PDB file of N, CA and C in Angstrom:
ATOM      1  N   MET A   1     -71.465 -36.738  -5.934  1.00  0.00           N
ATOM      2  CA  MET A   1     -71.916 -37.090  -4.481  1.00  0.00           C
ATOM      3  C   MET A   1     -71.337 -38.305  -4.378  1.00  0.00           C
ATOM      4  N   ALA A   2     -70.732 -38.282  -2.893  1.00  0.00           N
ATOM      5  CA  ALA A   2     -70.144 -39.406  -2.232  1.00  0.00           C
ATOM      6  C   ALA A   2     -70.881 -40.648  -2.070  1.00  0.00           C
ATOM      7  N   GLY A   3     -70.582 -41.805  -2.087  1.00  0.00           N
ATOM      8  CA  GLY A   3     -71.286 -43.003  -1.939  1.00  0.00           C
ATOM      9  C   GLY A   3     -71.398 -43.360  -0.289  1.00  0.00           C
ATOM     10  N   GLU A   4     -72.278 -44.031   0.108  1.00  0.00           N
ATOM     11  CA  GLU A   4     -72.706 -44.370   1.440  1.00  0.00           C
ATOM     12  C   GLU A   4     -71.475 -44.790   2.301  1.00  0.00           C
ATOM     13  N   GLY A   5     -70.278 -45.364   1.644  1.00  0.00           N
ATOM     14  CA  GLY A   5     -69.255 -45.788   2.515  1.00  0.00           C
ATOM     15  C   GLY A   5     -68.040 -44.745   2.695  1.00  0.00           C
ATOM     16  N   TRP A   6     -68.382 -43.620   2.302  1.00  0.00           N
ATOM     17  CA  TRP A   6     -67.375 -42.519   2.305  1.00  0.00           C
ATOM     18  C   TRP A   6     -67.956 -41.625   3.367  1.00  0.00           C
ATOM     19  N   ILE A   7     -66.953 -41.078   3.946  1.00  0.00           N
ATOM     20  CA  ILE A   7     -67.212 -39.905   5.075  1.00  0.00           C
ATOM     21  C   ILE A   7     -66.172 -38.498   4.854  1.00  0.00           C
ATOM     22  N   GLU A   8     -66.728 -37.510   4.793  1.00  0.00           N
ATOM     23  CA  GLU A   8     -65.788 -36.259   4.647  1.00  0.00           C
ATOM     24  C   GLU A   8     -65.474 -35.674   5.680  1.00  0.00           C
ATOM     25  N   LEU A   9     -64.308 -35.695   6.220  1.00  0.00           N
ATOM     26  CA  LEU A   9     -63.842 -35.276   7.570  1.00  0.00           C
ATOM     27  C   LEU A   9     -62.511 -34.029   7.426  1.00  0.00           C
ATOM     28  N   LYS A  10     -62.834 -33.231   8.363  1.00  0.00           N
ATOM     29  CA  LYS A  10     -61.555 -32.340   8.570  1.00  0.00           C
ATOM     30  C   LYS A  10     -61.138 -32.534  10.001  1.00  0.00           C
ATOM     31  N   PHE A  11     -59.966 -32.122  10.297  1.00  0.00           N
ATOM     32  CA  PHE A  11     -59.326 -32.394  11.546  1.00  0.00           C
ATOM     33  C   PHE A  11     -59.059 -30.963  12.110  1.00  0.00           C
ATOM     34  N   ARG A  12     -59.470 -30.566  13.308  1.00  0.00           N
ATOM     35  CA  ARG A  12     -59.384 -29.362  13.627  1.00  0.00           C
ATOM     36  C   ARG A  12     -58.190 -29.152  14.776  1.00  0.00           C
ATOM     37  N   LEU A  13     -56.974 -28.689  14.571  1.00  0.00           N
ATOM     38  CA  LEU A  13     -56.016 -28.693  15.699  1.00  0.00           C
ATOM     39  C   LEU A  13     -56.077 -27.910  16.556  1.00  0.00           C
ATOM     40  N   PHE A  14     -55.289 -27.941  17.494  1.00  0.00           N
ATOM     41  CA  PHE A  14     -55.387 -27.076  19.036  1.00  0.00           C
ATOM     42  C   PHE A  14     -55.295 -25.631  18.739  1.00  0.00           C
ATOM     43  N   ASP A  15     -54.815 -25.243  17.607  1.00  0.00           N
ATOM     44  CA  ASP A  15     -54.561 -23.581  17.299  1.00  0.00           C
ATOM     45  C   ASP A  15     -55.656 -23.161  16.349  1.00  0.00           C
ATOM     46  N   GLY A  16     -56.622 -23.948  15.997  1.00  0.00           N
ATOM     47  CA  GLY A  16     -57.726 -23.617  15.291  1.00  0.00           C
ATOM     48  C   GLY A  16     -57.588 -23.739  13.571  1.00  0.00           C
ATOM     49  N   THR A  17     -56.414 -24.202  13.190  1.00  0.00           N
ATOM     50  CA  THR A  17     -56.214 -24.614  11.907  1.00  0.00           C
ATOM     51  C   THR A  17     -56.702 -25.878  11.589  1.00  0.00           C
ATOM     52  N   ASP A  18     -56.994 -26.164  10.436  1.00  0.00           N
ATOM     53  CA  ASP A  18     -57.509 -27.362  10.179  1.00  0.00           C
ATOM     54  C   ASP A  18     -56.779 -28.192   9.152  1.00  0.00           C
ATOM     55  N   ILE A  19     -56.828 -29.492   9.075  1.00  0.00           N
ATOM     56  CA  ILE A  19     -56.295 -30.361   8.038  1.00  0.00           C
ATOM     57  C   ILE A  19     -57.438 -30.982   7.334  1.00  0.00           C
ATOM     58  N   GLY A  20     -57.448 -30.842   5.966  1.00  0.00           N
ATOM     59  CA  GLY A  20     -58.746 -31.307   5.328  1.00  0.00           C
ATOM     60  C   GLY A  20     -59.569 -30.211   4.752  1.00  0.00           C
ATOM     61  N   PRO A  21     -60.597 -30.562   4.367  1.00  0.00           N
ATOM     62  CA  PRO A  21     -61.441 -31.704   4.501  1.00  0.00           C
ATOM     63  C   PRO A  21     -60.751 -32.610   3.381  1.00  0.00           C
ATOM     64  N   ASN A  22     -61.111 -34.183   3.673  1.00  0.00           N
ATOM     65  CA  ASN A  22     -60.760 -35.149   2.800  1.00  0.00           C
ATOM     66  C   ASN A  22     -61.895 -36.262   2.992  1.00  0.00           C
ATOM     67  N   LYS A  23     -61.977 -37.131   2.033  1.00  0.00           N
ATOM     68  CA  LYS A  23     -63.046 -38.289   1.995  1.00  0.00           C
ATOM     69  C   LYS A  23     -62.266 -39.516   2.602  1.00  0.00           C
ATOM     70  N   TYR A  24     -63.024 -40.437   3.541  1.00  0.00           N
ATOM     71  CA  TYR A  24     -62.483 -41.437   4.046  1.00  0.00           C
ATOM     72  C   TYR A  24     -63.516 -42.613   4.102  1.00  0.00           C
ATOM     73  N   ASP A  25     -62.957 -43.830   3.686  1.00  0.00           N
ATOM     74  CA  ASP A  25     -63.890 -44.973   3.640  1.00  0.00           C
ATOM     75  C   ASP A  25     -64.257 -45.108   5.196  1.00  0.00           C
ATOM     76  N   ALA A  26     -65.506 -45.499   5.364  1.00  0.00           N
ATOM     77  CA  ALA A  26     -66.203 -45.887   6.649  1.00  0.00           C
ATOM     78  C   ALA A  26     -65.553 -46.855   7.189  1.00  0.00           C
ATOM     79  N   SER A  27     -64.617 -47.723   6.474  1.00  0.00           N
ATOM     80  CA  SER A  27     -64.309 -49.127   7.246  1.00  0.00           C
ATOM     81  C   SER A  27     -62.826 -48.675   7.700  1.00  0.00           C
ATOM     82  N   SER A  28     -62.008 -47.521   7.394  1.00  0.00           N
ATOM     83  CA  SER A  28     -60.938 -47.163   7.893  1.00  0.00           C
ATOM     84  C   SER A  28     -60.994 -47.054   9.198  1.00  0.00           C
ATOM     85  N   THR A  29     -59.690 -47.427   9.929  1.00  0.00           N
ATOM     86  CA  THR A  29     -59.510 -47.562  11.361  1.00  0.00           C
ATOM     87  C   THR A  29     -59.240 -45.977  11.890  1.00  0.00           C
ATOM     88  N   VAL A  30     -59.446 -45.820  12.928  1.00  0.00           N
ATOM     89  CA  VAL A  30     -59.018 -44.504  13.747  1.00  0.00           C
ATOM     90  C   VAL A  30     -57.476 -44.417  13.663  1.00  0.00           C
ATOM     91  N   ALA A  31     -56.752 -45.420  13.946  1.00  0.00           N
ATOM     92  CA  ALA A  31     -55.282 -45.367  13.656  1.00  0.00           C
ATOM     93  C   ALA A  31     -55.155 -44.849  12.549  1.00  0.00           C
ATOM     94  N   SER A  32     -55.549 -45.431  11.320  1.00  0.00           N
ATOM     95  CA  SER A  32     -55.187 -45.233  10.016  1.00  0.00           C
ATOM     96  C   SER A  32     -55.428 -43.409   9.789  1.00  0.00           C
ATOM     97  N   LEU A  33     -56.556 -42.973  10.346  1.00  0.00           N
ATOM     98  CA  LEU A  33     -56.913 -41.466  10.286  1.00  0.00           C
ATOM     99  C   LEU A  33     -55.574 -40.880  11.040  1.00  0.00           C
ATOM    100  N   LYS A  34     -55.134 -41.496  12.202  1.00  0.00           N
ATOM    101  CA  LYS A  34     -54.142 -40.689  12.785  1.00  0.00           C
ATOM    102  C   LYS A  34     -52.803 -40.563  11.996  1.00  0.00           C
ATOM    103  N   GLU A  35     -52.692 -41.728  10.978  1.00  0.00           N
ATOM    104  CA  GLU A  35     -51.358 -41.946  10.414  1.00  0.00           C
ATOM    105  C   GLU A  35     -51.523 -40.795   9.365  1.00  0.00           C
ATOM    106  N   SER A  36     -52.780 -40.553   8.716  1.00  0.00           N
ATOM    107  CA  SER A  36     -52.922 -39.622   7.798  1.00  0.00           C
ATOM    108  C   SER A  36     -52.832 -38.189   8.262  1.00  0.00           C
ATOM    109  N   ILE A  37     -53.188 -37.949   9.447  1.00  0.00           N
ATOM    110  CA  ILE A  37     -52.953 -36.761  10.228  1.00  0.00           C
ATOM    111  C   ILE A  37     -51.425 -36.462  10.433  1.00  0.00           C
ATOM    112  N   LEU A  38     -50.692 -37.393  10.968  1.00  0.00           N
ATOM    113  CA  LEU A  38     -49.214 -37.335  10.892  1.00  0.00           C
ATOM    114  C   LEU A  38     -48.574 -37.114   9.657  1.00  0.00           C
ATOM    115  N   ALA A  39     -48.910 -37.718   8.505  1.00  0.00           N
ATOM    116  CA  ALA A  39     -48.331 -37.278   7.340  1.00  0.00           C
ATOM    117  C   ALA A  39     -48.682 -35.904   6.880  1.00  0.00           C
ATOM    118  N   ARG A  40     -49.659 -35.389   7.162  1.00  0.00           N
ATOM    119  CA  ARG A  40     -50.279 -34.167   6.659  1.00  0.00           C
ATOM    120  C   ARG A  40     -50.084 -33.066   7.643  1.00  0.00           C
ATOM    121  N   TRP A  41     -49.378 -33.138   8.747  1.00  0.00           N
ATOM    122  CA  TRP A  41     -49.141 -32.085  10.063  1.00  0.00           C
ATOM    123  C   TRP A  41     -48.460 -31.153   9.456  1.00  0.00           C
ATOM    124  N   PRO A  42     -48.820 -29.710   9.617  1.00  0.00           N
ATOM    125  CA  PRO A  42     -48.248 -28.555   8.964  1.00  0.00           C
ATOM    126  C   PRO A  42     -46.803 -28.698   9.629  1.00  0.00           C
ATOM    127  N   GLN A  43     -45.843 -28.420   8.659  1.00  0.00           N
ATOM    128  CA  GLN A  43     -44.431 -28.316   9.134  1.00  0.00           C
ATOM    129  C   GLN A  43     -44.248 -27.124   9.919  1.00  0.00           C
ATOM    130  N   ASP A  44     -44.969 -25.958  10.206  1.00  0.00           N
ATOM    131  CA  ASP A  44     -44.674 -24.835  10.705  1.00  0.00           C
ATOM    132  C   ASP A  44     -45.118 -24.934  12.234  1.00  0.00           C
ATOM    133  N   LYS A  45     -45.448 -25.999  12.679  1.00  0.00           N
ATOM    134  CA  LYS A  45     -45.940 -25.969  14.100  1.00  0.00           C
ATOM    135  C   LYS A  45     -44.913 -26.211  14.807  1.00  0.00           C
ATOM    136  N   GLU A  46     -44.554 -25.576  15.926  1.00  0.00           N
ATOM    137  CA  GLU A  46     -43.741 -26.058  17.018  1.00  0.00           C
ATOM    138  C   GLU A  46     -44.102 -27.433  17.718  1.00  0.00           C
ATOM    139  N   LEU A  47     -45.231 -27.649  18.077  1.00  0.00           N
ATOM    140  CA  LEU A  47     -45.711 -28.770  18.847  1.00  0.00           C
ATOM    141  C   LEU A  47     -46.285 -29.718  17.627  1.00  0.00           C
ATOM    142  N   ALA A  48     -45.421 -30.829  17.648  1.00  0.00           N
ATOM    143  CA  ALA A  48     -45.971 -31.807  16.552  1.00  0.00           C
ATOM    144  C   ALA A  48     -46.039 -33.404  17.259  1.00  0.00           C
ATOM    145  N   PRO A  49     -46.779 -34.245  17.009  1.00  0.00           N
ATOM    146  CA  PRO A  49     -46.649 -35.522  17.444  1.00  0.00           C
ATOM    147  C   PRO A  49     -45.686 -36.281  16.619  1.00  0.00           C
ATOM    148  N   LYS A  50     -45.221 -37.285  17.365  1.00  0.00           N
ATOM    149  CA  LYS A  50     -44.057 -38.049  16.552  1.00  0.00           C
ATOM    150  C   LYS A  50     -44.710 -39.403  16.399  1.00  0.00           C
ATOM    151  N   THR A  51     -45.617 -39.961  17.091  1.00  0.00           N
ATOM    152  CA  THR A  51     -46.488 -41.231  16.857  1.00  0.00           C
ATOM    153  C   THR A  51     -48.014 -41.145  16.907  1.00  0.00           C
ATOM    154  N   ILE A  52     -48.581 -42.117  16.473  1.00  0.00           N
ATOM    155  CA  ILE A  52     -50.257 -42.127  16.493  1.00  0.00           C
ATOM    156  C   ILE A  52     -50.540 -42.057  18.064  1.00  0.00           C
ATOM    157  N   ASN A  53     -49.711 -42.771  18.921  1.00  0.00           N
ATOM    158  CA  ASN A  53     -50.110 -42.560  20.350  1.00  0.00           C
ATOM    159  C   ASN A  53     -49.914 -41.313  20.950  1.00  0.00           C
ATOM    160  N   ASP A  54     -49.328 -40.420  20.183  1.00  0.00           N
ATOM    161  CA  ASP A  54     -49.402 -39.047  20.675  1.00  0.00           C
ATOM    162  C   ASP A  54     -50.536 -38.141  20.357  1.00  0.00           C
ATOM    163  N   VAL A  55     -51.394 -38.878  19.635  1.00  0.00           N
ATOM    164  CA  VAL A  55     -52.574 -38.135  18.964  1.00  0.00           C
ATOM    165  C   VAL A  55     -53.948 -38.542  19.619  1.00  0.00           C
ATOM    166  N   LYS A  56     -54.948 -37.863  19.642  1.00  0.00           N
ATOM    167  CA  LYS A  56     -56.280 -38.323  20.382  1.00  0.00           C
ATOM    168  C   LYS A  56     -57.080 -37.499  19.470  1.00  0.00           C
ATOM    169  N   LEU A  57     -58.148 -38.349  18.702  1.00  0.00           N
ATOM    170  CA  LEU A  57     -59.131 -37.834  18.048  1.00  0.00           C
ATOM    171  C   LEU A  57     -60.513 -37.692  18.840  1.00  0.00           C
ATOM    172  N   ILE A  58     -61.043 -36.597  18.819  1.00  0.00           N
ATOM    173  CA  ILE A  58     -62.337 -36.403  19.526  1.00  0.00           C
ATOM    174  C   ILE A  58     -63.476 -36.147  18.759  1.00  0.00           C
ATOM    175  N   ASN A  59     -64.617 -36.789  18.737  1.00  0.00           N
ATOM    176  CA  ASN A  59     -65.767 -36.600  17.805  1.00  0.00           C
ATOM    177  C   ASN A  59     -67.116 -36.618  18.765  1.00  0.00           C
ATOM    178  N   GLY A  60     -67.617 -35.822  18.737  1.00  0.00           N
ATOM    179  CA  GLY A  60     -68.961 -35.605  19.442  1.00  0.00           C
ATOM    180  C   GLY A  60     -68.629 -35.616  21.028  1.00  0.00           C
ATOM    181  N   GLY A  61     -67.330 -35.297  21.478  1.00  0.00           N
ATOM    182  CA  GLY A  61     -67.123 -35.330  22.994  1.00  0.00           C
ATOM    183  C   GLY A  61     -66.330 -36.664  23.340  1.00  0.00           C
ATOM    184  N   LYS A  62     -66.333 -37.465  22.636  1.00  0.00           N
ATOM    185  CA  LYS A  62     -65.914 -38.855  22.742  1.00  0.00           C
ATOM    186  C   LYS A  62     -64.497 -39.041  22.204  1.00  0.00           C
ATOM    187  N   ILE A  63     -63.382 -39.609  22.905  1.00  0.00           N
ATOM    188  CA  ILE A  63     -62.163 -39.872  22.422  1.00  0.00           C
ATOM    189  C   ILE A  63     -62.326 -41.199  21.681  1.00  0.00           C
ATOM    190  N   LEU A  64     -61.917 -41.408  20.280  1.00  0.00           N
ATOM    191  CA  LEU A  64     -61.996 -42.521  19.495  1.00  0.00           C
ATOM    192  C   LEU A  64     -60.860 -43.249  19.776  1.00  0.00           C
ATOM    193  N   GLU A  65     -61.135 -44.669  20.014  1.00  0.00           N
ATOM    194  CA  GLU A  65     -60.275 -45.675  19.987  1.00  0.00           C
ATOM    195  C   GLU A  65     -59.533 -46.206  18.757  1.00  0.00           C
ATOM    196  N   ASN A  66     -58.194 -46.487  18.696  1.00  0.00           N
ATOM    197  CA  ASN A  66     -57.364 -46.727  17.667  1.00  0.00           C
ATOM    198  C   ASN A  66     -57.966 -47.867  16.902  1.00  0.00           C
ATOM    199  N   ASN A  67     -58.601 -48.916  17.364  1.00  0.00           N
ATOM    200  CA  ASN A  67     -58.680 -50.281  16.846  1.00  0.00           C
ATOM    201  C   ASN A  67     -60.127 -50.232  16.346  1.00  0.00           C
ATOM    202  N   ARG A  68     -60.946 -49.011  16.500  1.00  0.00           N
ATOM    203  CA  ARG A  68     -62.369 -48.930  15.863  1.00  0.00           C
ATOM    204  C   ARG A  68     -62.381 -48.689  14.669  1.00  0.00           C
ATOM    205  N   THR A  69     -63.253 -48.852  13.885  1.00  0.00           N
ATOM    206  CA  THR A  69     -63.461 -48.137  12.496  1.00  0.00           C
ATOM    207  C   THR A  69     -63.946 -46.913  12.616  1.00  0.00           C
ATOM    208  N   LEU A  70     -64.004 -46.256  11.384  1.00  0.00           N
ATOM    209  CA  LEU A  70     -64.592 -44.889  11.222  1.00  0.00           C
ATOM    210  C   LEU A  70     -66.187 -45.097  11.534  1.00  0.00           C
ATOM    211  N   ALA A  71     -66.933 -46.102  10.987  1.00  0.00           N
ATOM    212  CA  ALA A  71     -68.298 -46.366  11.085  1.00  0.00           C
ATOM    213  C   ALA A  71     -68.581 -46.565  12.386  1.00  0.00           C
ATOM    214  N   GLU A  72     -67.867 -47.453  13.091  1.00  0.00           N
ATOM    215  CA  GLU A  72     -68.131 -47.677  14.550  1.00  0.00           C
ATOM    216  C   GLU A  72     -68.034 -46.361  15.583  1.00  0.00           C
ATOM    217  N   SER A  73     -67.191 -45.397  15.069  1.00  0.00           N
ATOM    218  CA  SER A  73     -67.085 -44.358  15.912  1.00  0.00           C
ATOM    219  C   SER A  73     -67.647 -43.064  15.629  1.00  0.00           C
ATOM    220  N   ARG A  74     -68.684 -43.076  14.613  1.00  0.00           N
ATOM    221  CA  ARG A  74     -69.377 -41.929  14.250  1.00  0.00           C
ATOM    222  C   ARG A  74     -70.379 -41.585  15.029  1.00  0.00           C
ATOM    223  N   VAL A  75     -70.471 -40.165  15.341  1.00  0.00           N
ATOM    224  CA  VAL A  75     -71.674 -39.731  16.171  1.00  0.00           C
ATOM    225  C   VAL A  75     -72.690 -39.311  15.186  1.00  0.00           C
ATOM    226  N   ALA A  76     -73.899 -39.628  15.276  1.00  0.00           N
ATOM    227  CA  ALA A  76     -74.776 -39.256  14.289  1.00  0.00           C
ATOM    228  C   ALA A  76     -75.556 -37.948  14.428  1.00  0.00           C
ATOM    229  N   VAL A  77     -75.519 -37.508  15.636  1.00  0.00           N
ATOM    230  CA  VAL A  77     -76.170 -36.203  16.021  1.00  0.00           C
ATOM    231  C   VAL A  77     -75.644 -34.894  15.210  1.00  0.00           C
ATOM    232  N   GLY A  78     -76.603 -34.333  14.588  1.00  0.00           N
ATOM    233  CA  GLY A  78     -76.084 -33.282  13.803  1.00  0.00           C
ATOM    234  C   GLY A  78     -75.297 -33.372  12.535  1.00  0.00           C
ATOM    235  N   GLU A  79     -75.270 -34.518  12.062  1.00  0.00           N
ATOM    236  CA  GLU A  79     -74.796 -34.854  10.753  1.00  0.00           C
ATOM    237  C   GLU A  79     -75.742 -34.620   9.518  1.00  0.00           C
ATOM    238  N   LEU A  80     -75.341 -34.162   8.542  1.00  0.00           N
ATOM    239  CA  LEU A  80     -76.148 -33.768   7.617  1.00  0.00           C
ATOM    240  C   LEU A  80     -75.313 -34.642   6.177  1.00  0.00           C
ATOM    241  N   PRO A  81     -76.482 -35.309   5.504  1.00  0.00           N
ATOM    242  CA  PRO A  81     -75.819 -35.979   4.178  1.00  0.00           C
ATOM    243  C   PRO A  81     -75.024 -34.891   3.354  1.00  0.00           C
ATOM    244  N   GLY A  82     -73.952 -35.517   3.047  1.00  0.00           N
ATOM    245  CA  GLY A  82     -73.042 -34.530   2.209  1.00  0.00           C
ATOM    246  C   GLY A  82     -72.259 -33.451   3.058  1.00  0.00           C
ATOM    247  N   GLY A  83     -72.347 -33.366   4.260  1.00  0.00           N
ATOM    248  CA  GLY A  83     -71.686 -32.452   5.089  1.00  0.00           C
ATOM    249  C   GLY A  83     -70.454 -32.930   5.602  1.00  0.00           C
ATOM    250  N   VAL A  84     -69.577 -32.137   6.132  1.00  0.00           N
ATOM    251  CA  VAL A  84     -68.219 -32.296   6.458  1.00  0.00           C
ATOM    252  C   VAL A  84     -68.322 -32.414   8.087  1.00  0.00           C
ATOM    253  N   THR A  85     -67.803 -33.587   8.537  1.00  0.00           N
ATOM    254  CA  THR A  85     -67.611 -33.843  10.153  1.00  0.00           C
ATOM    255  C   THR A  85     -66.251 -33.365  10.341  1.00  0.00           C
ATOM    256  N   THR A  86     -66.270 -32.608  11.449  1.00  0.00           N
ATOM    257  CA  THR A  86     -65.118 -32.111  12.114  1.00  0.00           C
ATOM    258  C   THR A  86     -64.701 -32.946  13.418  1.00  0.00           C
ATOM    259  N   MET A  87     -63.447 -33.300  13.280  1.00  0.00           N
ATOM    260  CA  MET A  87     -62.872 -34.049  14.529  1.00  0.00           C
ATOM    261  C   MET A  87     -61.708 -33.102  15.046  1.00  0.00           C
ATOM    262  N   HIS A  88     -61.741 -33.061  16.291  1.00  0.00           N
ATOM    263  CA  HIS A  88     -60.791 -32.342  17.145  1.00  0.00           C
ATOM    264  C   HIS A  88     -59.602 -33.229  17.354  1.00  0.00           C
ATOM    265  N   VAL A  89     -58.453 -32.672  17.246  1.00  0.00           N
ATOM    266  CA  VAL A  89     -57.212 -33.319  17.442  1.00  0.00           C
ATOM    267  C   VAL A  89     -56.624 -32.824  18.659  1.00  0.00           C
ATOM    268  N   VAL A  90     -56.118 -33.673  19.429  1.00  0.00           N
ATOM    269  CA  VAL A  90     -55.341 -33.138  20.783  1.00  0.00           C
ATOM    270  C   VAL A  90     -54.124 -33.956  20.778  1.00  0.00           C
ATOM    271  N   ILE A  91     -53.125 -33.494  20.994  1.00  0.00           N
ATOM    272  CA  ILE A  91     -51.670 -34.150  21.121  1.00  0.00           C
ATOM    273  C   ILE A  91     -51.150 -34.105  22.459  1.00  0.00           C
ATOM    274  N   ARG A  92     -50.570 -35.174  22.885  1.00  0.00           N
ATOM    275  CA  ARG A  92     -50.024 -35.356  23.935  1.00  0.00           C
ATOM    276  C   ARG A  92     -48.849 -34.638  23.973  1.00  0.00           C
ATOM    277  N   PRO A  93     -48.613 -34.053  25.333  1.00  0.00           N
ATOM    278  CA  PRO A  93     -47.130 -33.059  25.525  1.00  0.00           C
ATOM    279  C   PRO A  93     -46.012 -34.141  25.433  1.00  0.00           C
ATOM    280  N   PRO A  94     -44.847 -33.951  24.850  1.00  0.00           N
ATOM    281  CA  PRO A  94     -43.857 -34.985  25.302  1.00  0.00           C
ATOM    282  C   PRO A  94     -43.411 -35.110  26.681  1.00  0.00           C
ATOM    283  N   LEU A  95     -43.101 -36.340  26.894  1.00  0.00           N
ATOM    284  CA  LEU A  95     -42.924 -36.646  28.083  1.00  0.00           C
ATOM    285  C   LEU A  95     -41.335 -36.066  28.614  1.00  0.00           C
ATOM    286  N   PRO A  96     -41.299 -35.794  29.820  1.00  0.00           N
ATOM    287  CA  PRO A  96     -40.030 -35.231  30.289  1.00  0.00           C
ATOM    288  C   PRO A  96     -39.161 -36.227  30.319  1.00  0.00           C
ATOM    289  N   ASP A  97     -37.824 -36.040  30.144  1.00  0.00           N
ATOM    290  CA  ASP A  97     -36.682 -36.845  30.110  1.00  0.00           C
ATOM    291  C   ASP A  97     -36.437 -37.097  31.608  1.00  0.00           C
ATOM    292  N   LYS A  98     -35.468 -38.088  31.869  1.00  0.00           N
ATOM    293  CA  LYS A  98     -35.204 -38.362  33.230  1.00  0.00           C
ATOM    294  C   LYS A  98     -34.434 -37.426  33.880  1.00  0.00           C
ATOM    295  N   ASN A  99     -33.565 -36.614  33.403  1.00  0.00           N
ATOM    296  CA  ASN A  99     -32.937 -35.593  34.031  1.00  0.00           C
ATOM    297  C   ASN A  99     -33.832 -34.549  34.401  1.00  0.00           C
ATOM    298  N   ASN A 100     -34.634 -33.819  33.528  1.00  0.00           N
ATOM    299  CA  ASN A 100     -35.648 -32.882  33.827  1.00  0.00           C
ATOM    300  C   ASN A 100     -36.488 -33.311  34.883  1.00  0.00           C
ATOM    301  N   GLU A 101     -36.836 -34.644  34.820  1.00  0.00           N
ATOM    302  CA  GLU A 101     -38.051 -35.102  35.951  1.00  0.00           C
ATOM    303  C   GLU A 101     -37.334 -35.082  37.349  1.00  0.00           C
ATOM    304  N   LYS A 102     -36.067 -35.445  37.411  1.00  0.00           N
ATOM    305  CA  LYS A 102     -35.192 -35.378  38.596  1.00  0.00           C
ATOM    306  C   LYS A 102     -35.281 -34.003  39.136  1.00  0.00           C
ATOM    307  N   GLN A 103     -35.022 -32.831  38.067  1.00  0.00           N
ATOM    308  CA  GLN A 103     -34.841 -31.451  38.732  1.00  0.00           C
ATOM    309  C   GLN A 103     -36.296 -30.991  39.149  1.00  0.00           C
ATOM    310  N   LEU A 104     -37.348 -31.615  38.760  1.00  0.00           N
ATOM    311  CA  LEU A 104     -38.712 -31.209  39.050  1.00  0.00           C
ATOM    312  C   LEU A 104     -39.114 -31.653  40.354  1.00  0.00           C
ATOM    313  N   VAL A 105     -38.481 -32.860  40.679  1.00  0.00           N
ATOM    314  CA  VAL A 105     -38.783 -33.552  42.144  1.00  0.00           C
ATOM    315  C   VAL A 105     -37.892 -32.617  43.003  1.00  0.00           C
ATOM    316  N   ASN A 106     -36.729 -32.213  42.858  1.00  0.00           N
ATOM    317  CA  ASN A 106     -35.663 -31.760  43.619  1.00  0.00           C
ATOM    318  C   ASN A 106     -36.200 -30.289  43.654  1.00  0.00           C
ATOM    319  N   ALA A 107     -37.118 -29.635  42.925  1.00  0.00           N
ATOM    320  CA  ALA A 107     -37.225 -28.085  42.973  1.00  0.00           C
ATOM    321  C   ALA A 107     -37.977 -27.853  44.190  1.00  0.00           C
ATOM    322  N   PRO A 108     -37.524 -26.601  44.870  1.00  0.00           N
ATOM    323  CA  PRO A 108     -38.407 -26.271  45.971  1.00  0.00           C
ATOM    324  C   PRO A 108     -39.918 -25.973  45.718  1.00  0.00           C
ATOM    325  N   LYS A 109     -40.591 -26.327  46.616  1.00  0.00           N
ATOM    326  CA  LYS A 109     -42.054 -26.305  46.254  1.00  0.00           C
ATOM    327  C   LYS A 109     -42.635 -24.889  46.414  1.00  0.00           C
ATOM    328  N   GLN A 110     -43.530 -24.235  45.464  1.00  0.00           N
ATOM    329  CA  GLN A 110     -43.857 -22.929  45.159  1.00  0.00           C
ATOM    330  C   GLN A 110     -45.309 -23.017  45.725  1.00  0.00           C
ATOM    331  N   ASN A 111     -45.686 -21.769  46.473  1.00  0.00           N
ATOM    332  CA  ASN A 111     -47.110 -21.522  47.003  1.00  0.00           C
ATOM    333  C   ASN A 111     -47.903 -21.631  45.641  1.00  0.00           C
ATOM    334  N   ARG A 112     -49.065 -22.334  45.495  1.00  0.00           N
ATOM    335  CA  ARG A 112     -49.792 -22.374  44.423  1.00  0.00           C
ATOM    336  C   ARG A 112     -51.364 -22.338  44.971  1.00  0.00           C
ATOM    337  N   CYS A 113     -52.200 -21.560  44.055  1.00  0.00           N
ATOM    338  CA  CYS A 113     -53.400 -21.585  44.413  1.00  0.00           C
ATOM    339  C   CYS A 113     -54.300 -22.725  43.866  1.00  0.00           C
ATOM    340  N   VAL A 114     -55.044 -23.411  44.994  1.00  0.00           N
ATOM    341  CA  VAL A 114     -55.967 -24.345  44.471  1.00  0.00           C
ATOM    342  C   VAL A 114     -57.278 -23.989  44.395  1.00  0.00           C
ATOM    343  N   CYS A 115     -57.961 -24.515  43.187  1.00  0.00           N
ATOM    344  CA  CYS A 115     -59.358 -24.269  43.361  1.00  0.00           C
ATOM    345  C   CYS A 115     -60.233 -25.502  43.388  1.00  0.00           C
ATOM    346  N   SER A 116     -61.553 -25.236  43.889  1.00  0.00           N
ATOM    347  CA  SER A 116     -62.260 -26.310  43.971  1.00  0.00           C
ATOM    348  C   SER A 116     -63.478 -26.000  43.456  1.00  0.00           C
ATOM    349  N   ILE A 117     -64.328 -26.714  42.488  1.00  0.00           N
ATOM    350  CA  ILE A 117     -65.736 -26.232  41.823  1.00  0.00           C
ATOM    351  C   ILE A 117     -66.526 -27.265  42.774  1.00  0.00           C
ATOM    352  N   LEU A 118     -67.416 -26.666  43.271  1.00  0.00           N
ATOM    353  CA  LEU A 118     -68.484 -27.362  44.042  1.00  0.00           C
ATOM    354  C   LEU A 118     -69.851 -27.398  43.161  1.00  0.00           C
TER     355      LEU A 118
END
């Protein structure tokens, strides 16, 4: 059984696949978790983050900040001793390069449906 300073995590990717579970020290920073995710990212995925800034970790509906530790970022609701906590991984899509950006600006406007939730 793990000691108090260890937390077992798995990371759920956008397509429903998981990385982990693995045990992490509660004093680990969110940035170090993101580095671990980058190192273990499945090679067969078309969309892959390039840096930790392309990755967002979500736990309990909150986006975790890079400079916070895992202990500071934990959401206690629903956690069971010895259980695995699942964090969701969202990646930022690649930014368009300047040539594509100009093409988008100069492209003719298309009719689009706009919805409002009241």
